[in-house]
Protein backbone atom coordinates (compact mmCIF):
# COMPACT_ATOMS: atom_id res chain seq x y z
CA UNK A 1 108.86 95.60 79.97
CA UNK A 2 106.17 93.76 78.38
CA UNK A 3 102.78 93.71 79.96
CA UNK A 4 102.56 89.86 80.04
CA UNK A 5 106.08 89.56 81.66
CA UNK A 6 105.08 92.23 84.34
CA UNK A 7 102.01 90.30 85.32
CA UNK A 8 103.96 87.00 85.55
CA UNK A 9 106.47 88.97 87.68
CA UNK A 10 104.08 90.24 89.96
CA UNK A 11 102.20 87.07 90.49
CA UNK A 12 105.41 85.15 91.22
CA UNK A 13 106.50 88.02 93.58
CA UNK A 14 103.13 87.83 95.32
CA UNK A 15 103.51 84.14 95.80
CA UNK A 16 106.93 84.47 97.16
CA UNK A 17 105.95 87.24 99.58
CA UNK A 18 102.68 85.57 100.77
CA UNK A 19 104.80 82.49 101.90
CA UNK A 20 107.81 84.23 103.42
CA UNK A 21 106.46 84.72 106.81
CA UNK A 22 105.73 81.21 107.24
CA UNK A 23 108.87 79.65 105.52
CA UNK A 24 111.44 82.09 107.31
CA UNK A 25 112.17 82.63 111.17
CA UNK A 26 113.56 86.04 110.65
CA UNK A 27 111.78 89.23 110.84
CA UNK A 28 110.83 90.08 107.22
CA UNK A 29 113.50 87.57 106.24
CA UNK A 30 116.33 90.28 107.05
CA UNK A 31 116.63 90.89 110.83
CA UNK A 32 117.02 87.90 113.44
CA UNK A 33 114.21 87.52 115.70
CA UNK A 34 114.93 88.56 119.14
CA UNK A 35 112.77 86.46 121.40
CA UNK A 36 113.74 82.55 121.96
CA UNK A 37 110.44 81.03 121.64
CA UNK A 38 110.14 81.92 117.77
CA UNK A 39 107.84 84.00 115.85
CA UNK A 40 103.96 83.72 116.98
CA UNK A 41 101.10 83.65 114.57
CA UNK A 42 100.16 87.51 115.04
CA UNK A 43 103.87 88.43 114.10
CA UNK A 44 103.45 86.55 110.95
CA UNK A 45 100.14 87.88 109.96
CA UNK A 46 101.74 91.33 110.42
CA UNK A 47 104.59 90.56 108.23
CA UNK A 48 102.07 89.08 105.68
CA UNK A 49 99.99 92.51 105.93
CA UNK A 50 103.27 94.55 105.27
CA UNK A 51 104.31 92.02 102.32
CA UNK A 52 100.65 92.65 100.76
CA UNK A 53 101.30 96.21 100.88
CA UNK A 54 104.70 96.09 99.21
CA UNK A 55 103.40 93.74 96.49
CA UNK A 56 100.38 96.14 95.99
CA UNK A 57 103.02 99.25 95.77
CA UNK A 58 104.87 97.14 93.24
CA UNK A 59 101.94 96.27 91.21
CA UNK A 60 100.87 100.02 91.06
CA UNK A 61 104.68 100.96 90.21
CA UNK A 62 104.39 98.34 87.13
CA UNK A 63 100.99 99.83 86.07
CA UNK A 64 102.09 103.49 86.06
CA UNK A 65 105.19 102.34 83.90
CA UNK A 66 102.99 100.50 81.32
CA UNK A 67 99.69 102.66 81.10
CA UNK A 68 97.77 105.20 82.80
CA UNK A 69 96.82 104.04 86.23
CA UNK A 70 93.20 103.20 86.87
CA UNK A 71 91.18 104.31 89.98
CA UNK A 72 90.53 101.23 92.40
CA UNK A 73 87.52 100.92 94.90
CA UNK A 74 87.28 98.80 98.18
CA UNK A 75 86.19 95.72 95.96
CA UNK A 76 89.53 95.52 94.22
CA UNK A 77 91.40 95.47 97.69
CA UNK A 78 89.11 93.19 99.18
CA UNK A 79 89.75 90.75 96.37
CA UNK A 80 93.51 91.09 96.07
CA UNK A 81 93.74 90.63 99.76
CA UNK A 82 91.70 87.60 99.35
CA UNK A 83 93.98 86.20 96.76
CA UNK A 84 97.17 87.13 98.56
CA UNK A 85 95.70 85.02 101.53
CA UNK A 86 95.11 82.07 99.07
CA UNK A 87 98.47 82.44 97.83
CA UNK A 88 99.81 82.29 101.39
CA UNK A 89 97.84 78.78 102.05
CA UNK A 90 100.88 76.45 101.25
CA UNK A 91 103.12 78.14 103.97
CA UNK A 92 100.33 78.45 106.37
CA UNK A 93 100.01 74.60 105.96
CA UNK A 94 103.60 73.84 106.09
CA UNK A 95 104.23 75.94 109.52
CA UNK A 96 101.04 74.81 111.26
CA UNK A 97 99.48 71.76 109.85
CA UNK A 98 102.05 69.60 108.22
CA UNK A 99 105.62 70.02 109.94
CA UNK A 100 106.10 68.29 113.30
CA UNK A 101 106.30 70.54 116.29
CA UNK A 102 109.25 69.87 118.54
């Protein structure tokens, strides 16, 4: 796998994973939500955290396959978390600001 392709794949995966909790009413897009009132914001944020960890693990796997992994400090994780939140902005806007509530 080429390095450029894996970078584009990781960015596309991060965009989809960041917006998944906001566009889907199911838990992790797999399990039906058991409560009648629907998912609350704190559940969506927990899903967002789990998706961030999955995308991070995928990125580490791709890096390990292409080259020797580089050690990362807290600055790297703070930057990638901020970028992941920025990628989740369209889903948040759709769910809480743009869509009319019934």
